[in-house]
Amino acid sequence: MATQEAFEQAAQRAQQLPSKPSNTVLLQLYALYKQATEGDVQGERPGGFDFKGIAKYDAWSSLNGKSAEDARAEYVALVDSLFNQ
Protein backbone atom coordinates (compact mmCIF):
# COMPACT_ATOMS: atom_id res chain seq x y z
CA MET A 1 0.00 0.00 0.00
CA ALA A 2 1.15 3.52 -0.78
CA THR A 3 1.39 6.00 2.06
CA GLN A 4 -0.24 9.40 1.84
CA GLU A 5 3.23 10.91 1.52
CA ALA A 6 4.13 8.62 -1.41
CA PHE A 7 0.83 9.53 -3.06
CA GLU A 8 1.46 13.27 -2.68
CA GLN A 9 4.97 12.87 -4.08
CA ALA A 10 3.58 10.92 -7.05
CA ALA A 11 1.03 13.68 -7.67
CA GLN A 12 3.86 16.22 -7.80
CA ARG A 13 5.93 13.97 -10.07
CA ALA A 14 2.95 13.52 -12.40
CA GLN A 15 3.20 17.23 -13.20
CA GLN A 16 6.78 16.70 -14.42
CA LEU A 17 6.42 13.69 -16.71
CA PRO A 18 9.11 13.48 -19.40
CA SER A 19 6.47 13.21 -22.14
CA LYS A 20 2.73 13.73 -22.32
CA PRO A 21 0.87 10.44 -21.79
CA SER A 22 -2.00 9.33 -24.01
CA ASN A 23 -5.50 10.57 -23.25
CA THR A 24 -6.36 7.12 -21.90
CA VAL A 25 -3.51 7.29 -19.37
CA LEU A 26 -4.38 10.88 -18.46
CA LEU A 27 -7.96 9.80 -17.74
CA GLN A 28 -6.68 6.91 -15.65
CA LEU A 29 -4.47 9.28 -13.64
CA TYR A 30 -7.39 11.66 -13.16
CA ALA A 31 -9.79 8.92 -12.07
CA LEU A 32 -7.34 7.32 -9.63
CA TYR A 33 -6.46 10.71 -8.13
CA LYS A 34 -10.13 11.64 -7.66
CA GLN A 35 -11.00 8.22 -6.20
CA ALA A 36 -8.06 8.45 -3.78
CA THR A 37 -8.87 11.98 -2.65
CA GLU A 38 -12.68 12.19 -2.85
CA GLY A 39 -14.01 8.64 -3.00
CA ASP A 40 -16.82 7.53 -5.31
CA VAL A 41 -17.98 9.91 -8.03
CA GLN A 42 -20.57 12.48 -6.99
CA GLY A 43 -23.05 14.57 -8.92
CA GLU A 44 -24.69 14.25 -12.28
CA ARG A 45 -22.97 13.00 -15.40
CA PRO A 46 -22.30 15.94 -17.73
CA GLY A 47 -24.45 16.02 -20.81
CA GLY A 48 -24.63 17.66 -24.16
CA PHE A 49 -21.38 18.34 -25.91
CA ASP A 50 -19.14 18.34 -22.83
CA PHE A 51 -17.15 15.39 -24.17
CA LYS A 52 -14.16 16.04 -21.90
CA GLY A 53 -16.39 16.25 -18.82
CA ILE A 54 -18.21 13.07 -19.81
CA ALA A 55 -14.93 11.18 -20.33
CA LYS A 56 -13.60 12.32 -16.95
CA TYR A 57 -16.87 11.47 -15.19
CA ASP A 58 -17.02 8.02 -16.80
CA ALA A 59 -13.38 7.26 -15.96
CA TRP A 60 -13.91 8.21 -12.32
CA SER A 61 -17.27 6.41 -12.17
CA SER A 62 -15.59 3.20 -13.38
CA LEU A 63 -13.70 3.10 -10.07
CA ASN A 64 -16.78 3.25 -7.82
CA GLY A 65 -16.25 1.05 -4.79
CA LYS A 66 -12.44 1.07 -5.00
CA SER A 67 -10.91 2.03 -1.66
CA ALA A 68 -8.86 5.19 -1.32
CA GLU A 69 -5.88 3.05 -0.31
CA ASP A 70 -6.09 0.91 -3.45
CA ALA A 71 -6.53 3.98 -5.64
CA ARG A 72 -3.48 5.63 -4.04
CA ALA A 73 -1.37 2.51 -4.59
CA GLU A 74 -2.45 2.21 -8.24
CA TYR A 75 -1.82 5.92 -8.82
CA VAL A 76 1.71 5.73 -7.41
CA ALA A 77 2.45 2.60 -9.47
CA LEU A 78 1.11 4.23 -12.65
CA VAL A 79 3.19 7.39 -12.15
CA ASP A 80 6.27 5.26 -11.45
CA SER A 81 5.68 3.25 -14.62
CA LEU A 82 5.43 6.45 -16.69
CA PHE A 83 8.88 7.52 -15.51
CA ASN A 84 10.34 4.07 -16.27
CA GLN A 85 9.28 3.96 -19.93
PDB file of N, CA and C in Angstrom:
ATOM      1  N   MET A   1       0.825  -1.190   0.000  1.00  0.00           N
ATOM      2  CA  MET A   1       0.000   0.000   0.000  1.00  0.00           C
ATOM      3  C   MET A   1       0.870   1.255   0.000  1.00  0.00           C
ATOM      4  N   ALA A   2       0.425   2.245  -0.697  1.00  0.00           N
ATOM      5  CA  ALA A   2       1.148   3.515  -0.778  1.00  0.00           C
ATOM      6  C   ALA A   2       0.726   4.415   0.381  1.00  0.00           C
ATOM      7  N   THR A   3       1.693   5.046   0.985  1.00  0.00           N
ATOM      8  CA  THR A   3       1.389   5.997   2.058  1.00  0.00           C
ATOM      9  C   THR A   3       0.845   7.281   1.450  1.00  0.00           C
ATOM     10  N   GLN A   4       0.246   8.103   2.297  1.00  0.00           N
ATOM     11  CA  GLN A   4      -0.243   9.402   1.839  1.00  0.00           C
ATOM     12  C   GLN A   4       0.911  10.247   1.302  1.00  0.00           C
ATOM     13  N   GLU A   5       2.054  10.152   1.955  1.00  0.00           N
ATOM     14  CA  GLU A   5       3.225  10.908   1.520  1.00  0.00           C
ATOM     15  C   GLU A   5       3.686  10.454   0.131  1.00  0.00           C
ATOM     16  N   ALA A   6       3.732   9.142  -0.094  1.00  0.00           N
ATOM     17  CA  ALA A   6       4.133   8.621  -1.407  1.00  0.00           C
ATOM     18  C   ALA A   6       3.137   9.062  -2.476  1.00  0.00           C
ATOM     19  N   PHE A   7       1.865   9.090  -2.125  1.00  0.00           N
ATOM     20  CA  PHE A   7       0.827   9.531  -3.059  1.00  0.00           C
ATOM     21  C   PHE A   7       1.018  10.999  -3.424  1.00  0.00           C
ATOM     22  N   GLU A   8       1.260  11.837  -2.429  1.00  0.00           N
ATOM     23  CA  GLU A   8       1.456  13.265  -2.677  1.00  0.00           C
ATOM     24  C   GLU A   8       2.704  13.512  -3.520  1.00  0.00           C
ATOM     25  N   GLN A   9       3.761  12.750  -3.271  1.00  0.00           N
ATOM     26  CA  GLN A   9       4.975  12.869  -4.077  1.00  0.00           C
ATOM     27  C   GLN A   9       4.701  12.447  -5.526  1.00  0.00           C
ATOM     28  N   ALA A  10       3.921  11.381  -5.698  1.00  0.00           N
ATOM     29  CA  ALA A  10       3.579  10.920  -7.045  1.00  0.00           C
ATOM     30  C   ALA A  10       2.743  11.970  -7.773  1.00  0.00           C
ATOM     31  N   ALA A  11       1.843  12.635  -7.054  1.00  0.00           N
ATOM     32  CA  ALA A  11       1.027  13.680  -7.666  1.00  0.00           C
ATOM     33  C   ALA A  11       1.904  14.832  -8.146  1.00  0.00           C
ATOM     34  N   GLN A  12       2.928  15.171  -7.389  1.00  0.00           N
ATOM     35  CA  GLN A  12       3.858  16.219  -7.804  1.00  0.00           C
ATOM     36  C   GLN A  12       4.686  15.757  -9.005  1.00  0.00           C
ATOM     37  N   ARG A  13       5.138  14.516  -8.960  1.00  0.00           N
ATOM     38  CA  ARG A  13       5.932  13.968 -10.069  1.00  0.00           C
ATOM     39  C   ARG A  13       5.110  13.888 -11.349  1.00  0.00           C
ATOM     40  N   ALA A  14       3.813  13.639 -11.226  1.00  0.00           N
ATOM     41  CA  ALA A  14       2.952  13.518 -12.404  1.00  0.00           C
ATOM     42  C   ALA A  14       2.914  14.827 -13.192  1.00  0.00           C
ATOM     43  N   GLN A  15       3.175  15.931 -12.524  1.00  0.00           N
ATOM     44  CA  GLN A  15       3.200  17.232 -13.198  1.00  0.00           C
ATOM     45  C   GLN A  15       4.491  17.436 -13.987  1.00  0.00           C
ATOM     46  N   GLN A  16       5.463  16.542 -13.801  1.00  0.00           N
ATOM     47  CA  GLN A  16       6.783  16.698 -14.421  1.00  0.00           C
ATOM     48  C   GLN A  16       7.147  15.502 -15.297  1.00  0.00           C
ATOM     49  N   LEU A  17       6.161  14.861 -15.871  1.00  0.00           N
ATOM     50  CA  LEU A  17       6.423  13.688 -16.707  1.00  0.00           C
ATOM     51  C   LEU A  17       7.299  14.075 -17.900  1.00  0.00           C
ATOM     52  N   PRO A  18       8.202  13.171 -18.300  1.00  0.00           N
ATOM     53  CA  PRO A  18       9.110  13.480 -19.401  1.00  0.00           C
ATOM     54  C   PRO A  18       8.393  13.673 -20.741  1.00  0.00           C
ATOM     55  N   SER A  19       7.266  13.025 -20.924  1.00  0.00           N
ATOM     56  CA  SER A  19       6.468  13.213 -22.141  1.00  0.00           C
ATOM     57  C   SER A  19       4.993  13.117 -21.768  1.00  0.00           C
ATOM     58  N   LYS A  20       4.160  13.730 -22.599  1.00  0.00           N
ATOM     59  CA  LYS A  20       2.727  13.727 -22.318  1.00  0.00           C
ATOM     60  C   LYS A  20       2.153  12.339 -22.586  1.00  0.00           C
ATOM     61  N   PRO A  21       1.482  11.762 -21.590  1.00  0.00           N
ATOM     62  CA  PRO A  21       0.866  10.443 -21.787  1.00  0.00           C
ATOM     63  C   PRO A  21      -0.332  10.532 -22.742  1.00  0.00           C
ATOM     64  N   SER A  22      -0.803   9.385 -23.160  1.00  0.00           N
ATOM     65  CA  SER A  22      -1.996   9.329 -24.007  1.00  0.00           C
ATOM     66  C   SER A  22      -3.208   9.805 -23.213  1.00  0.00           C
ATOM     67  N   ASN A  23      -4.268  10.133 -23.925  1.00  0.00           N
ATOM     68  CA  ASN A  23      -5.497  10.565 -23.254  1.00  0.00           C
ATOM     69  C   ASN A  23      -6.042   9.484 -22.333  1.00  0.00           C
ATOM     70  N   THR A  24      -5.890   8.232 -22.730  1.00  0.00           N
ATOM     71  CA  THR A  24      -6.357   7.120 -21.901  1.00  0.00           C
ATOM     72  C   THR A  24      -5.623   7.102 -20.565  1.00  0.00           C
ATOM     73  N   VAL A  25      -4.311   7.282 -20.604  1.00  0.00           N
ATOM     74  CA  VAL A  25      -3.505   7.292 -19.373  1.00  0.00           C
ATOM     75  C   VAL A  25      -3.829   8.527 -18.544  1.00  0.00           C
ATOM     76  N   LEU A  26      -4.020   9.669 -19.192  1.00  0.00           N
ATOM     77  CA  LEU A  26      -4.384  10.884 -18.463  1.00  0.00           C
ATOM     78  C   LEU A  26      -5.712  10.708 -17.741  1.00  0.00           C
ATOM     79  N   LEU A  27      -6.671  10.065 -18.394  1.00  0.00           N
ATOM     80  CA  LEU A  27      -7.959   9.803 -17.742  1.00  0.00           C
ATOM     81  C   LEU A  27      -7.800   8.845 -16.569  1.00  0.00           C
ATOM     82  N   GLN A  28      -6.935   7.863 -16.729  1.00  0.00           N
ATOM     83  CA  GLN A  28      -6.683   6.910 -15.647  1.00  0.00           C
ATOM     84  C   GLN A  28      -6.052   7.624 -14.453  1.00  0.00           C
ATOM     85  N   LEU A  29      -5.083   8.498 -14.720  1.00  0.00           N
ATOM     86  CA  LEU A  29      -4.466   9.279 -13.644  1.00  0.00           C
ATOM     87  C   LEU A  29      -5.511  10.137 -12.940  1.00  0.00           C
ATOM     88  N   TYR A  30      -6.337  10.804 -13.716  1.00  0.00           N
ATOM     89  CA  TYR A  30      -7.386  11.659 -13.159  1.00  0.00           C
ATOM     90  C   TYR A  30      -8.329  10.852 -12.264  1.00  0.00           C
ATOM     91  N   ALA A  31      -8.820   9.735 -12.795  1.00  0.00           N
ATOM     92  CA  ALA A  31      -9.789   8.922 -12.069  1.00  0.00           C
ATOM     93  C   ALA A  31      -9.199   8.366 -10.777  1.00  0.00           C
ATOM     94  N   LEU A  32      -7.981   7.865 -10.834  1.00  0.00           N
ATOM     95  CA  LEU A  32      -7.343   7.320  -9.631  1.00  0.00           C
ATOM     96  C   LEU A  32      -7.111   8.418  -8.594  1.00  0.00           C
ATOM     97  N   TYR A  33      -6.691   9.599  -9.052  1.00  0.00           N
ATOM     98  CA  TYR A  33      -6.464  10.709  -8.130  1.00  0.00           C
ATOM     99  C   TYR A  33      -7.780  11.103  -7.437  1.00  0.00           C
ATOM    100  N   LYS A  34      -8.839  11.252  -8.219  1.00  0.00           N
ATOM    101  CA  LYS A  34     -10.132  11.641  -7.656  1.00  0.00           C
ATOM    102  C   LYS A  34     -10.660  10.572  -6.700  1.00  0.00           C
ATOM    103  N   GLN A  35     -10.511   9.306  -7.059  1.00  0.00           N
ATOM    104  CA  GLN A  35     -10.996   8.223  -6.202  1.00  0.00           C
ATOM    105  C   GLN A  35     -10.203   8.208  -4.895  1.00  0.00           C
ATOM    106  N   ALA A  36      -8.903   8.463  -4.978  1.00  0.00           N
ATOM    107  CA  ALA A  36      -8.057   8.453  -3.784  1.00  0.00           C
ATOM    108  C   ALA A  36      -8.341   9.637  -2.879  1.00  0.00           C
ATOM    109  N   THR A  37      -8.701  10.777  -3.464  1.00  0.00           N
ATOM    110  CA  THR A  37      -8.867  11.983  -2.650  1.00  0.00           C
ATOM    111  C   THR A  37     -10.314  12.279  -2.279  1.00  0.00           C
ATOM    112  N   GLU A  38     -11.282  11.846  -3.106  1.00  0.00           N
ATOM    113  CA  GLU A  38     -12.677  12.193  -2.854  1.00  0.00           C
ATOM    114  C   GLU A  38     -13.612  11.000  -2.719  1.00  0.00           C
ATOM    115  N   GLY A  39     -13.149   9.814  -3.072  1.00  0.00           N
ATOM    116  CA  GLY A  39     -14.015   8.641  -3.003  1.00  0.00           C
ATOM    117  C   GLY A  39     -14.846   8.502  -4.264  1.00  0.00           C
ATOM    118  N   ASP A  40     -15.972   7.809  -4.156  1.00  0.00           N
ATOM    119  CA  ASP A  40     -16.817   7.533  -5.314  1.00  0.00           C
ATOM    120  C   ASP A  40     -17.323   8.830  -5.946  1.00  0.00           C
ATOM    121  N   VAL A  41     -17.534   8.747  -7.260  1.00  0.00           N
ATOM    122  CA  VAL A  41     -17.979   9.910  -8.034  1.00  0.00           C
ATOM    123  C   VAL A  41     -19.279  10.469  -7.457  1.00  0.00           C
ATOM    124  N   GLN A  42     -19.390  11.784  -7.512  1.00  0.00           N
ATOM    125  CA  GLN A  42     -20.570  12.477  -6.991  1.00  0.00           C
ATOM    126  C   GLN A  42     -21.167  13.329  -8.105  1.00  0.00           C
ATOM    127  N   GLY A  43     -22.419  13.654  -7.982  1.00  0.00           N
ATOM    128  CA  GLY A  43     -23.051  14.568  -8.920  1.00  0.00           C
ATOM    129  C   GLY A  43     -23.553  13.895 -10.182  1.00  0.00           C
ATOM    130  N   GLU A  44     -24.108  14.718 -11.022  1.00  0.00           N
ATOM    131  CA  GLU A  44     -24.691  14.254 -12.281  1.00  0.00           C
ATOM    132  C   GLU A  44     -23.624  14.117 -13.362  1.00  0.00           C
ATOM    133  N   ARG A  45     -23.842  13.168 -14.240  1.00  0.00           N
ATOM    134  CA  ARG A  45     -22.966  13.002 -15.401  1.00  0.00           C
ATOM    135  C   ARG A  45     -23.200  14.180 -16.335  1.00  0.00           C
ATOM    136  N   PRO A  46     -22.130  14.824 -16.787  1.00  0.00           N
ATOM    137  CA  PRO A  46     -22.303  15.937 -17.727  1.00  0.00           C
ATOM    138  C   PRO A  46     -23.023  15.476 -18.990  1.00  0.00           C
ATOM    139  N   GLY A  47     -23.711  16.384 -19.605  1.00  0.00           N
ATOM    140  CA  GLY A  47     -24.446  16.021 -20.812  1.00  0.00           C
ATOM    141  C   GLY A  47     -24.064  16.917 -21.966  1.00  0.00           C
ATOM    142  N   GLY A  48     -24.839  16.803 -23.002  1.00  0.00           N
ATOM    143  CA  GLY A  48     -24.633  17.660 -24.160  1.00  0.00           C
ATOM    144  C   GLY A  48     -23.328  17.380 -24.861  1.00  0.00           C
ATOM    145  N   PHE A  49     -22.618  18.459 -25.144  1.00  0.00           N
ATOM    146  CA  PHE A  49     -21.383  18.344 -25.906  1.00  0.00           C
ATOM    147  C   PHE A  49     -20.139  18.493 -25.042  1.00  0.00           C
ATOM    148  N   ASP A  50     -20.285  18.268 -23.748  1.00  0.00           N
ATOM    149  CA  ASP A  50     -19.140  18.338 -22.831  1.00  0.00           C
ATOM    150  C   ASP A  50     -18.415  16.996 -22.849  1.00  0.00           C
ATOM    151  N   PHE A  51     -17.769  16.705 -23.978  1.00  0.00           N
ATOM    152  CA  PHE A  51     -17.146  15.394 -24.165  1.00  0.00           C
ATOM    153  C   PHE A  51     -16.016  15.145 -23.172  1.00  0.00           C
ATOM    154  N   LYS A  52     -15.256  16.184 -22.872  1.00  0.00           N
ATOM    155  CA  LYS A  52     -14.162  16.038 -21.901  1.00  0.00           C
ATOM    156  C   LYS A  52     -14.729  15.738 -20.512  1.00  0.00           C
ATOM    157  N   GLY A  53     -15.750  16.471 -20.116  1.00  0.00           N
ATOM    158  CA  GLY A  53     -16.386  16.246 -18.820  1.00  0.00           C
ATOM    159  C   GLY A  53     -16.996  14.858 -18.708  1.00  0.00           C
ATOM    160  N   ILE A  54     -17.612  14.410 -19.792  1.00  0.00           N
ATOM    161  CA  ILE A  54     -18.209  13.071 -19.814  1.00  0.00           C
ATOM    162  C   ILE A  54     -17.127  12.010 -19.668  1.00  0.00           C
ATOM    163  N   ALA A  55     -16.020  12.167 -20.401  1.00  0.00           N
ATOM    164  CA  ALA A  55     -14.932  11.185 -20.333  1.00  0.00           C
ATOM    165  C   ALA A  55     -14.353  11.128 -18.924  1.00  0.00           C
ATOM    166  N   LYS A  56     -14.155  12.285 -18.306  1.00  0.00           N
ATOM    167  CA  LYS A  56     -13.598  12.318 -16.952  1.00  0.00           C
ATOM    168  C   LYS A  56     -14.571  11.694 -15.957  1.00  0.00           C
ATOM    169  N   TYR A  57     -15.850  12.032 -16.077  1.00  0.00           N
ATOM    170  CA  TYR A  57     -16.866  11.467 -15.187  1.00  0.00           C
ATOM    171  C   TYR A  57     -16.913   9.950 -15.322  1.00  0.00           C
ATOM    172  N   ASP A  58     -16.938   9.463 -16.559  1.00  0.00           N
ATOM    173  CA  ASP A  58     -17.020   8.019 -16.798  1.00  0.00           C
ATOM    174  C   ASP A  58     -15.786   7.285 -16.275  1.00  0.00           C
ATOM    175  N   ALA A  59     -14.613   7.895 -16.461  1.00  0.00           N
ATOM    176  CA  ALA A  59     -13.380   7.262 -15.962  1.00  0.00           C
ATOM    177  C   ALA A  59     -13.425   7.150 -14.443  1.00  0.00           C
ATOM    178  N   TRP A  60     -13.828   8.224 -13.781  1.00  0.00           N
ATOM    179  CA  TRP A  60     -13.910   8.212 -12.317  1.00  0.00           C
ATOM    180  C   TRP A  60     -14.999   7.245 -11.867  1.00  0.00           C
ATOM    181  N   SER A  61     -16.142   7.279 -12.532  1.00  0.00           N
ATOM    182  CA  SER A  61     -17.265   6.407 -12.173  1.00  0.00           C
ATOM    183  C   SER A  61     -16.891   4.931 -12.283  1.00  0.00           C
ATOM    184  N   SER A  62     -15.985   4.608 -13.198  1.00  0.00           N
ATOM    185  CA  SER A  62     -15.590   3.204 -13.380  1.00  0.00           C
ATOM    186  C   SER A  62     -14.860   2.656 -12.155  1.00  0.00           C
ATOM    187  N   LEU A  63     -14.421   3.535 -11.271  1.00  0.00           N
ATOM    188  CA  LEU A  63     -13.700   3.105 -10.070  1.00  0.00           C
ATOM    189  C   LEU A  63     -14.580   3.069  -8.819  1.00  0.00           C
ATOM    190  N   ASN A  64     -15.887   3.271  -8.978  1.00  0.00           N
ATOM    191  CA  ASN A  64     -16.782   3.249  -7.820  1.00  0.00           C
ATOM    192  C   ASN A  64     -16.568   1.985  -7.001  1.00  0.00           C
ATOM    193  N   GLY A  65     -16.440   2.168  -5.697  1.00  0.00           N
ATOM    194  CA  GLY A  65     -16.250   1.048  -4.794  1.00  0.00           C
ATOM    195  C   GLY A  65     -14.796   0.747  -4.481  1.00  0.00           C
ATOM    196  N   LYS A  66     -13.875   1.285  -5.263  1.00  0.00           N
ATOM    197  CA  LYS A  66     -12.444   1.067  -4.997  1.00  0.00           C
ATOM    198  C   LYS A  66     -12.061   1.901  -3.784  1.00  0.00           C
ATOM    199  N   SER A  67     -11.323   1.308  -2.872  1.00  0.00           N
ATOM    200  CA  SER A  67     -10.914   2.025  -1.662  1.00  0.00           C
ATOM    201  C   SER A  67      -9.896   3.107  -1.990  1.00  0.00           C
ATOM    202  N   ALA A  68      -9.842   4.116  -1.144  1.00  0.00           N
ATOM    203  CA  ALA A  68      -8.862   5.192  -1.321  1.00  0.00           C
ATOM    204  C   ALA A  68      -7.448   4.633  -1.277  1.00  0.00           C
ATOM    205  N   GLU A  69      -7.209   3.648  -0.423  1.00  0.00           N
ATOM    206  CA  GLU A  69      -5.879   3.054  -0.307  1.00  0.00           C
ATOM    207  C   GLU A  69      -5.466   2.358  -1.600  1.00  0.00           C
ATOM    208  N   ASP A  70      -6.388   1.602  -2.186  1.00  0.00           N
ATOM    209  CA  ASP A  70      -6.092   0.913  -3.448  1.00  0.00           C
ATOM    210  C   ASP A  70      -5.868   1.920  -4.573  1.00  0.00           C
ATOM    211  N   ALA A  71      -6.685   2.962  -4.597  1.00  0.00           N
ATOM    212  CA  ALA A  71      -6.533   3.983  -5.636  1.00  0.00           C
ATOM    213  C   ALA A  71      -5.185   4.698  -5.494  1.00  0.00           C
ATOM    214  N   ARG A  72      -4.787   4.992  -4.266  1.00  0.00           N
ATOM    215  CA  ARG A  72      -3.480   5.634  -4.038  1.00  0.00           C
ATOM    216  C   ARG A  72      -2.356   4.738  -4.538  1.00  0.00           C
ATOM    217  N   ALA A  73      -2.420   3.457  -4.187  1.00  0.00           N
ATOM    218  CA  ALA A  73      -1.367   2.513  -4.589  1.00  0.00           C
ATOM    219  C   ALA A  73      -1.293   2.403  -6.109  1.00  0.00           C
ATOM    220  N   GLU A  74      -2.436   2.315  -6.775  1.00  0.00           N
ATOM    221  CA  GLU A  74      -2.450   2.208  -8.235  1.00  0.00           C
ATOM    222  C   GLU A  74      -1.941   3.496  -8.882  1.00  0.00           C
ATOM    223  N   TYR A  75      -2.282   4.640  -8.301  1.00  0.00           N
ATOM    224  CA  TYR A  75      -1.823   5.925  -8.824  1.00  0.00           C
ATOM    225  C   TYR A  75      -0.301   6.016  -8.746  1.00  0.00           C
ATOM    226  N   VAL A  76       0.250   5.680  -7.590  1.00  0.00           N
ATOM    227  CA  VAL A  76       1.706   5.726  -7.405  1.00  0.00           C
ATOM    228  C   VAL A  76       2.384   4.775  -8.392  1.00  0.00           C
ATOM    229  N   ALA A  77       1.859   3.570  -8.548  1.00  0.00           N
ATOM    230  CA  ALA A  77       2.446   2.596  -9.473  1.00  0.00           C
ATOM    231  C   ALA A  77       2.373   3.096 -10.912  1.00  0.00           C
ATOM    232  N   LEU A  78       1.263   3.726 -11.289  1.00  0.00           N
ATOM    233  CA  LEU A  78       1.113   4.234 -12.649  1.00  0.00           C
ATOM    234  C   LEU A  78       2.100   5.373 -12.914  1.00  0.00           C
ATOM    235  N   VAL A  79       2.235   6.300 -11.980  1.00  0.00           N
ATOM    236  CA  VAL A  79       3.186   7.394 -12.151  1.00  0.00           C
ATOM    237  C   VAL A  79       4.605   6.835 -12.255  1.00  0.00           C
ATOM    238  N   ASP A  80       4.939   5.884 -11.389  1.00  0.00           N
ATOM    239  CA  ASP A  80       6.274   5.261 -11.450  1.00  0.00           C
ATOM    240  C   ASP A  80       6.509   4.622 -12.816  1.00  0.00           C
ATOM    241  N   SER A  81       5.512   3.935 -13.326  1.00  0.00           N
ATOM    242  CA  SER A  81       5.684   3.254 -14.624  1.00  0.00           C
ATOM    243  C   SER A  81       5.881   4.260 -15.749  1.00  0.00           C
ATOM    244  N   LEU A  82       5.270   5.440 -15.656  1.00  0.00           N
ATOM    245  CA  LEU A  82       5.430   6.454 -16.695  1.00  0.00           C
ATOM    246  C   LEU A  82       6.840   7.038 -16.711  1.00  0.00           C
ATOM    247  N   PHE A  83       7.497   7.034 -15.566  1.00  0.00           N
ATOM    248  CA  PHE A  83       8.880   7.515 -15.509  1.00  0.00           C
ATOM    249  C   PHE A  83       9.854   6.425 -15.952  1.00  0.00           C
ATOM    250  N   ASN A  84       9.438   5.177 -15.935  1.00  0.00           N
ATOM    251  CA  ASN A  84      10.341   4.072 -16.271  1.00  0.00           C
ATOM    252  C   ASN A  84      10.185   3.604 -17.711  1.00  0.00           C
ATOM    253  N   GLN A  85       9.483   4.367 -18.531  1.00  0.00           N
ATOM    254  CA  GLN A  85       9.276   3.965 -19.931  1.00  0.00           C
ATOM    255  C   GLN A  85      10.469   4.354 -20.762  1.00  0.00           C
TER     256      GLN A  85
END
